[in-house]
């Protein structure tokens, strides 16, 4: 079984990318979790894997000026909460997203993420030296709707942080929605899942009229 799992990892995981114990467990449902954990520890002792933290491994390949193998907290958070097997399952939100879009000059030391991979309860998660605020989205995240959900979250929670009035931010918001692959009725259905203040802001800006 060890060689079978080793071969599976070699085929499915690039060097220096996160590998979660739970994902291996789910990939081999007929094998006991304890057995898989033991096999991963053995692969670590054989230097086939390195361990970042409990439940997180990676295939090491030396890189950089220090010639060391490593993965980052951002890689782990992306793999765990944002993109799994090439499928978008979460998105960044909060002040840092507003800053990236040019809506505010403020930033936060905490990165905020909404993800299908978590239960509906906001909590702080520490990955390496980075702290993330993780929560479940109001609507299941897809590649088609995540940008809409990002903006609705900002309108609901962070409008007070925008450096100018919302009308002045219209061009930025509309540009971010460019080529949004949703029909207007689909957009309206999603908007209705949000609190009234977010809905009022969204309609006041007039974004819906700018969508195809």
C-alpha atoms as a PDB file:
ATOM      1  CA  UNK A   1       0.000   0.000   0.000  1.00  0.00           C
ATOM      2  CA  UNK A   2       2.870   2.359   0.722  1.00  0.00           C
ATOM      3  CA  UNK A   3       4.137   2.126  -2.848  1.00  0.00           C
ATOM      4  CA  UNK A   4       0.626   2.619  -4.195  1.00  0.00           C
ATOM      5  CA  UNK A   5       0.166   5.824  -2.192  1.00  0.00           C
ATOM      6  CA  UNK A   6       3.670   6.985  -3.081  1.00  0.00           C
ATOM      7  CA  UNK A   7       2.929   6.489  -6.778  1.00  0.00           C
ATOM      8  CA  UNK A   8      -0.385   8.341  -6.430  1.00  0.00           C
ATOM      9  CA  UNK A   9       1.344  11.305  -4.804  1.00  0.00           C
ATOM     10  CA  UNK A  10       4.064  11.387  -7.471  1.00  0.00           C
ATOM     11  CA  UNK A  11       1.433  11.456 -10.230  1.00  0.00           C
ATOM     12  CA  UNK A  12      -0.886  14.015  -8.691  1.00  0.00           C
ATOM     13  CA  UNK A  13       1.279  16.482  -6.747  1.00  0.00           C
ATOM     14  CA  UNK A  14       3.911  18.849  -8.084  1.00  0.00           C
ATOM     15  CA  UNK A  15       7.083  19.463  -6.087  1.00  0.00           C
ATOM     16  CA  UNK A  16       6.778  22.064  -3.317  1.00  0.00           C
ATOM     17  CA  UNK A  17       2.987  22.149  -3.346  1.00  0.00           C
ATOM     18  CA  UNK A  18       0.772  21.357  -0.341  1.00  0.00           C
ATOM     19  CA  UNK A  19      -0.469  17.838   0.242  1.00  0.00           C
ATOM     20  CA  UNK A  20      -3.130  17.363   2.919  1.00  0.00           C
ATOM     21  CA  UNK A  21      -3.456  14.125   4.839  1.00  0.00           C
ATOM     22  CA  UNK A  22      -7.248  14.359   4.636  1.00  0.00           C
ATOM     23  CA  UNK A  23      -7.133  14.504   0.835  1.00  0.00           C
ATOM     24  CA  UNK A  24      -5.113  11.270   0.724  1.00  0.00           C
ATOM     25  CA  UNK A  25      -7.565   9.688   3.162  1.00  0.00           C
ATOM     26  CA  UNK A  26     -10.449  10.638   0.858  1.00  0.00           C
ATOM     27  CA  UNK A  27      -8.579   9.285  -2.168  1.00  0.00           C
ATOM     28  CA  UNK A  28      -8.161   5.869  -0.514  1.00  0.00           C
ATOM     29  CA  UNK A  29     -11.491   5.296   1.275  1.00  0.00           C
ATOM     30  CA  UNK A  30     -10.856   1.578   1.762  1.00  0.00           C
ATOM     31  CA  UNK A  31      -7.689   2.241   3.788  1.00  0.00           C
ATOM     32  CA  UNK A  32      -7.866   3.145   7.469  1.00  0.00           C
ATOM     33  CA  UNK A  33      -6.891   6.718   8.332  1.00  0.00           C
ATOM     34  CA  UNK A  34      -4.347   5.495  10.844  1.00  0.00           C
ATOM     35  CA  UNK A  35      -2.663   3.398   8.166  1.00  0.00           C
ATOM     36  CA  UNK A  36      -2.437   6.339   5.779  1.00  0.00           C
ATOM     37  CA  UNK A  37      -0.997   8.595   8.470  1.00  0.00           C
ATOM     38  CA  UNK A  38       1.592   5.950   9.244  1.00  0.00           C
ATOM     39  CA  UNK A  39       2.499   5.616   5.556  1.00  0.00           C
ATOM     40  CA  UNK A  40       2.921   9.388   5.195  1.00  0.00           C
ATOM     41  CA  UNK A  41       5.221   9.400   8.214  1.00  0.00           C
ATOM     42  CA  UNK A  42       7.265   6.620   6.616  1.00  0.00           C
ATOM     43  CA  UNK A  43       7.500   8.541   3.343  1.00  0.00           C
ATOM     44  CA  UNK A  44       8.719  11.486   5.372  1.00  0.00           C
ATOM     45  CA  UNK A  45      11.400   9.368   7.048  1.00  0.00           C
ATOM     46  CA  UNK A  46      12.485   8.254   3.567  1.00  0.00           C
ATOM     47  CA  UNK A  47      12.748  11.948   2.505  1.00  0.00           C
ATOM     48  CA  UNK A  48      10.121  11.459  -0.196  1.00  0.00           C
ATOM     49  CA  UNK A  49       7.960  13.950   1.719  1.00  0.00           C
ATOM     50  CA  UNK A  50       8.593  16.837   4.063  1.00  0.00           C
ATOM     51  CA  UNK A  51       6.113  17.990   6.692  1.00  0.00           C
ATOM     52  CA  UNK A  52       5.065  21.630   6.985  1.00  0.00           C
ATOM     53  CA  UNK A  53       2.740  21.162   9.946  1.00  0.00           C
ATOM     54  CA  UNK A  54       0.295  18.616  11.304  1.00  0.00           C
ATOM     55  CA  UNK A  55      -1.627  17.152   8.376  1.00  0.00           C
ATOM     56  CA  UNK A  56       0.306  19.123   5.747  1.00  0.00           C
ATOM     57  CA  UNK A  57       3.130  17.616   3.669  1.00  0.00           C
ATOM     58  CA  UNK A  58       4.861  18.375   0.371  1.00  0.00           C
ATOM     59  CA  UNK A  59       7.236  16.733  -2.093  1.00  0.00           C
ATOM     60  CA  UNK A  60      10.525  18.574  -1.550  1.00  0.00           C
ATOM     61  CA  UNK A  61      12.648  20.060  -4.278  1.00  0.00           C
ATOM     62  CA  UNK A  62      15.426  22.476  -3.392  1.00  0.00           C
ATOM     63  CA  UNK A  63      15.037  25.968  -4.838  1.00  0.00           C
ATOM     64  CA  UNK A  64      16.053  29.599  -4.403  1.00  0.00           C
ATOM     65  CA  UNK A  65      19.332  31.160  -3.311  1.00  0.00           C
ATOM     66  CA  UNK A  66      19.275  29.157  -0.074  1.00  0.00           C
ATOM     67  CA  UNK A  67      18.806  25.921  -2.049  1.00  0.00           C
ATOM     68  CA  UNK A  68      16.059  24.759   0.290  1.00  0.00           C
ATOM     69  CA  UNK A  69      12.733  23.047  -0.241  1.00  0.00           C
ATOM     70  CA  UNK A  70       9.746  24.910   1.179  1.00  0.00           C
ATOM     71  CA  UNK A  71       6.104  25.883   0.740  1.00  0.00           C
ATOM     72  CA  UNK A  72       4.385  29.060   1.902  1.00  0.00           C
ATOM     73  CA  UNK A  73       1.342  29.855   4.016  1.00  0.00           C
ATOM     74  CA  UNK A  74      -0.289  31.396   0.950  1.00  0.00           C
ATOM     75  CA  UNK A  75       0.154  28.174  -1.026  1.00  0.00           C
ATOM     76  CA  UNK A  76      -1.490  26.234   1.788  1.00  0.00           C
ATOM     77  CA  UNK A  77      -4.416  28.635   2.195  1.00  0.00           C
ATOM     78  CA  UNK A  78      -4.976  28.696  -1.573  1.00  0.00           C
ATOM     79  CA  UNK A  79      -4.957  24.904  -1.839  1.00  0.00           C
ATOM     80  CA  UNK A  80      -7.137  24.387   1.222  1.00  0.00           C
ATOM     81  CA  UNK A  81      -9.709  27.137   0.778  1.00  0.00           C
ATOM     82  CA  UNK A  82      -9.583  28.717  -2.690  1.00  0.00           C
ATOM     83  CA  UNK A  83      -8.771  26.198  -5.419  1.00  0.00           C
ATOM     84  CA  UNK A  84      -9.096  22.414  -5.210  1.00  0.00           C
ATOM     85  CA  UNK A  85      -8.361  20.127  -8.152  1.00  0.00           C
ATOM     86  CA  UNK A  86      -8.566  23.151 -10.427  1.00  0.00           C
ATOM     87  CA  UNK A  87     -12.034  24.120  -9.179  1.00  0.00           C
ATOM     88  CA  UNK A  88     -12.628  27.507  -7.533  1.00  0.00           C
ATOM     89  CA  UNK A  89     -14.153  26.947  -4.100  1.00  0.00           C
ATOM     90  CA  UNK A  90     -13.434  30.218  -2.330  1.00  0.00           C
ATOM     91  CA  UNK A  91     -12.332  33.816  -2.637  1.00  0.00           C
ATOM     92  CA  UNK A  92     -10.514  36.581  -0.821  1.00  0.00           C
ATOM     93  CA  UNK A  93     -12.607  39.356   0.638  1.00  0.00           C
ATOM     94  CA  UNK A  94     -12.289  42.119   3.225  1.00  0.00           C
ATOM     95  CA  UNK A  95     -10.204  45.256   3.446  1.00  0.00           C
ATOM     96  CA  UNK A  96      -7.220  43.773   1.620  1.00  0.00           C
ATOM     97  CA  UNK A  97      -9.369  42.994  -1.415  1.00  0.00           C
ATOM     98  CA  UNK A  98     -10.813  46.513  -1.325  1.00  0.00           C
ATOM     99  CA  UNK A  99      -7.245  47.838  -1.239  1.00  0.00           C
ATOM    100  CA  UNK A 100      -6.218  45.717  -4.252  1.00  0.00           C
ATOM    101  CA  UNK A 101      -9.167  47.073  -6.210  1.00  0.00           C
ATOM    102  CA  UNK A 102      -8.262  50.658  -5.341  1.00  0.00           C
ATOM    103  CA  UNK A 103     -11.368  51.222  -3.204  1.00  0.00           C
ATOM    104  CA  UNK A 104      -9.442  52.081  -0.040  1.00  0.00           C
ATOM    105  CA  UNK A 105      -5.919  52.772   1.166  1.00  0.00           C
ATOM    106  CA  UNK A 106      -6.450  50.749   4.332  1.00  0.00           C
ATOM    107  CA  UNK A 107      -5.058  47.248   4.866  1.00  0.00           C
ATOM    108  CA  UNK A 108      -5.403  44.544   7.487  1.00  0.00           C
ATOM    109  CA  UNK A 109      -2.856  42.088   8.917  1.00  0.00           C
ATOM    110  CA  UNK A 110      -5.564  39.432   8.677  1.00  0.00           C
ATOM    111  CA  UNK A 111      -6.471  37.908   5.330  1.00  0.00           C
ATOM    112  CA  UNK A 112     -10.188  37.179   5.013  1.00  0.00           C
ATOM    113  CA  UNK A 113     -11.429  34.214   2.974  1.00  0.00           C
ATOM    114  CA  UNK A 114     -14.875  32.845   2.183  1.00  0.00           C
ATOM    115  CA  UNK A 115     -14.822  29.157   1.210  1.00  0.00           C
ATOM    116  CA  UNK A 116     -17.106  26.242   0.451  1.00  0.00           C
ATOM    117  CA  UNK A 117     -14.608  24.105   2.377  1.00  0.00           C
ATOM    118  CA  UNK A 118     -15.640  25.371   5.807  1.00  0.00           C
ATOM    119  CA  UNK A 119     -18.720  25.303   8.019  1.00  0.00           C
ATOM    120  CA  UNK A 120     -20.826  28.414   8.494  1.00  0.00           C
ATOM    121  CA  UNK A 121     -18.891  29.792  11.460  1.00  0.00           C
ATOM    122  CA  UNK A 122     -16.305  32.561  11.247  1.00  0.00           C
ATOM    123  CA  UNK A 123     -13.000  31.745  12.907  1.00  0.00           C
ATOM    124  CA  UNK A 124      -9.318  32.617  12.868  1.00  0.00           C
ATOM    125  CA  UNK A 125      -6.858  30.125  11.417  1.00  0.00           C
ATOM    126  CA  UNK A 126      -3.101  30.371  11.833  1.00  0.00           C
ATOM    127  CA  UNK A 127      -0.945  29.089   8.963  1.00  0.00           C
ATOM    128  CA  UNK A 128       2.747  29.664   9.561  1.00  0.00           C
ATOM    129  CA  UNK A 129       3.094  33.305  10.572  1.00  0.00           C
ATOM    130  CA  UNK A 130      -0.061  34.373   8.724  1.00  0.00           C
ATOM    131  CA  UNK A 131      -3.516  34.713  10.278  1.00  0.00           C
ATOM    132  CA  UNK A 132      -6.639  34.116   8.211  1.00  0.00           C
ATOM    133  CA  UNK A 133     -10.274  34.851   9.017  1.00  0.00           C
ATOM    134  CA  UNK A 134     -12.241  32.025   7.429  1.00  0.00           C
ATOM    135  CA  UNK A 135     -15.983  31.813   6.903  1.00  0.00           C
ATOM    136  CA  UNK A 136     -18.557  30.097   4.697  1.00  0.00           C
ATOM    137  CA  UNK A 137     -20.104  32.136   1.848  1.00  0.00           C
ATOM    138  CA  UNK A 138     -23.779  33.114   1.690  1.00  0.00           C
ATOM    139  CA  UNK A 139     -23.956  31.435  -1.721  1.00  0.00           C
ATOM    140  CA  UNK A 140     -21.926  28.452  -2.907  1.00  0.00           C
ATOM    141  CA  UNK A 141     -18.824  29.766  -4.676  1.00  0.00           C
ATOM    142  CA  UNK A 142     -18.281  28.985  -8.355  1.00  0.00           C
ATOM    143  CA  UNK A 143     -15.941  30.322 -11.021  1.00  0.00           C
ATOM    144  CA  UNK A 144     -18.917  32.170 -12.489  1.00  0.00           C
ATOM    145  CA  UNK A 145     -20.099  33.979  -9.358  1.00  0.00           C
ATOM    146  CA  UNK A 146     -17.091  34.579  -7.091  1.00  0.00           C
ATOM    147  CA  UNK A 147     -16.448  38.137  -8.299  1.00  0.00           C
ATOM    148  CA  UNK A 148     -20.069  39.070  -7.651  1.00  0.00           C
ATOM    149  CA  UNK A 149     -19.866  37.571  -4.151  1.00  0.00           C
ATOM    150  CA  UNK A 150     -16.648  39.493  -3.458  1.00  0.00           C
ATOM    151  CA  UNK A 151     -18.241  42.833  -4.286  1.00  0.00           C
ATOM    152  CA  UNK A 152     -21.451  42.078  -2.407  1.00  0.00           C
ATOM    153  CA  UNK A 153     -19.400  41.206   0.665  1.00  0.00           C
ATOM    154  CA  UNK A 154     -17.570  44.514   0.388  1.00  0.00           C
ATOM    155  CA  UNK A 155     -20.794  46.459  -0.036  1.00  0.00           C
ATOM    156  CA  UNK A 156     -22.264  44.710   2.992  1.00  0.00           C
ATOM    157  CA  UNK A 157     -19.339  44.980   5.403  1.00  0.00           C
ATOM    158  CA  UNK A 158     -16.771  47.456   4.169  1.00  0.00           C
ATOM    159  CA  UNK A 159     -18.505  50.354   2.422  1.00  0.00           C
ATOM    160  CA  UNK A 160     -17.473  52.638   5.275  1.00  0.00           C
ATOM    161  CA  UNK A 161     -13.813  52.050   4.384  1.00  0.00           C
ATOM    162  CA  UNK A 162     -14.041  53.193   0.767  1.00  0.00           C
ATOM    163  CA  UNK A 163     -11.985  56.321   0.216  1.00  0.00           C
ATOM    164  CA  UNK A 164     -14.753  58.043  -1.774  1.00  0.00           C
ATOM    165  CA  UNK A 165     -18.523  57.764  -2.174  1.00  0.00           C
ATOM    166  CA  UNK A 166     -19.816  54.641  -3.849  1.00  0.00           C
ATOM    167  CA  UNK A 167     -20.867  56.547  -6.944  1.00  0.00           C
ATOM    168  CA  UNK A 168     -17.245  57.567  -7.480  1.00  0.00           C
ATOM    169  CA  UNK A 169     -16.211  53.888  -7.255  1.00  0.00           C
ATOM    170  CA  UNK A 170     -18.668  52.741  -9.912  1.00  0.00           C
ATOM    171  CA  UNK A 171     -16.098  52.520 -12.706  1.00  0.00           C
ATOM    172  CA  UNK A 172     -13.810  50.309 -10.589  1.00  0.00           C
ATOM    173  CA  UNK A 173     -16.648  47.993  -9.632  1.00  0.00           C
ATOM    174  CA  UNK A 174     -18.086  47.754 -13.139  1.00  0.00           C
ATOM    175  CA  UNK A 175     -14.635  47.064 -14.565  1.00  0.00           C
ATOM    176  CA  UNK A 176     -14.151  44.231 -12.090  1.00  0.00           C
ATOM    177  CA  UNK A 177     -17.434  42.720 -13.262  1.00  0.00           C
ATOM    178  CA  UNK A 178     -16.431  42.882 -16.927  1.00  0.00           C
ATOM    179  CA  UNK A 179     -17.535  39.753 -18.784  1.00  0.00           C
ATOM    180  CA  UNK A 180     -19.290  38.357 -15.700  1.00  0.00           C
ATOM    181  CA  UNK A 181     -20.694  35.022 -17.017  1.00  0.00           C
ATOM    182  CA  UNK A 182     -24.049  35.360 -15.270  1.00  0.00           C
ATOM    183  CA  UNK A 183     -27.460  36.368 -16.550  1.00  0.00           C
ATOM    184  CA  UNK A 184     -29.237  39.256 -14.837  1.00  0.00           C
ATOM    185  CA  UNK A 185     -31.819  36.977 -13.240  1.00  0.00           C
ATOM    186  CA  UNK A 186     -28.996  34.855 -11.783  1.00  0.00           C
ATOM    187  CA  UNK A 187     -27.360  38.003 -10.400  1.00  0.00           C
ATOM    188  CA  UNK A 188     -30.633  39.134  -8.822  1.00  0.00           C
ATOM    189  CA  UNK A 189     -31.134  35.725  -7.185  1.00  0.00           C
ATOM    190  CA  UNK A 190     -27.696  35.981  -5.580  1.00  0.00           C
ATOM    191  CA  UNK A 191     -28.199  39.594  -4.489  1.00  0.00           C
ATOM    192  CA  UNK A 192     -31.368  38.572  -2.648  1.00  0.00           C
ATOM    193  CA  UNK A 193     -29.270  36.322  -0.371  1.00  0.00           C
ATOM    194  CA  UNK A 194     -27.538  39.407   1.062  1.00  0.00           C
ATOM    195  CA  UNK A 195     -28.700  41.900   3.710  1.00  0.00           C
ATOM    196  CA  UNK A 196     -30.790  44.839   2.550  1.00  0.00           C
ATOM    197  CA  UNK A 197     -27.946  47.377   2.908  1.00  0.00           C
ATOM    198  CA  UNK A 198     -25.804  45.449   0.429  1.00  0.00           C
ATOM    199  CA  UNK A 199     -28.720  45.219  -1.988  1.00  0.00           C
ATOM    200  CA  UNK A 200     -29.414  48.954  -1.715  1.00  0.00           C
ATOM    201  CA  UNK A 201     -25.748  49.820  -2.360  1.00  0.00           C
ATOM    202  CA  UNK A 202     -25.590  47.463  -5.338  1.00  0.00           C
ATOM    203  CA  UNK A 203     -28.683  48.869  -7.025  1.00  0.00           C
ATOM    204  CA  UNK A 204     -27.766  52.456  -6.146  1.00  0.00           C
ATOM    205  CA  UNK A 205     -24.448  52.143  -7.944  1.00  0.00           C
ATOM    206  CA  UNK A 206     -26.251  50.870 -11.018  1.00  0.00           C
ATOM    207  CA  UNK A 207     -23.929  47.951 -11.734  1.00  0.00           C
ATOM    208  CA  UNK A 208     -26.785  45.731 -12.843  1.00  0.00           C
ATOM    209  CA  UNK A 209     -27.567  48.077 -15.723  1.00  0.00           C
ATOM    210  CA  UNK A 210     -24.025  47.718 -16.962  1.00  0.00           C
ATOM    211  CA  UNK A 211     -24.139  43.942 -17.186  1.00  0.00           C
ATOM    212  CA  UNK A 212     -24.934  42.189 -20.482  1.00  0.00           C
END
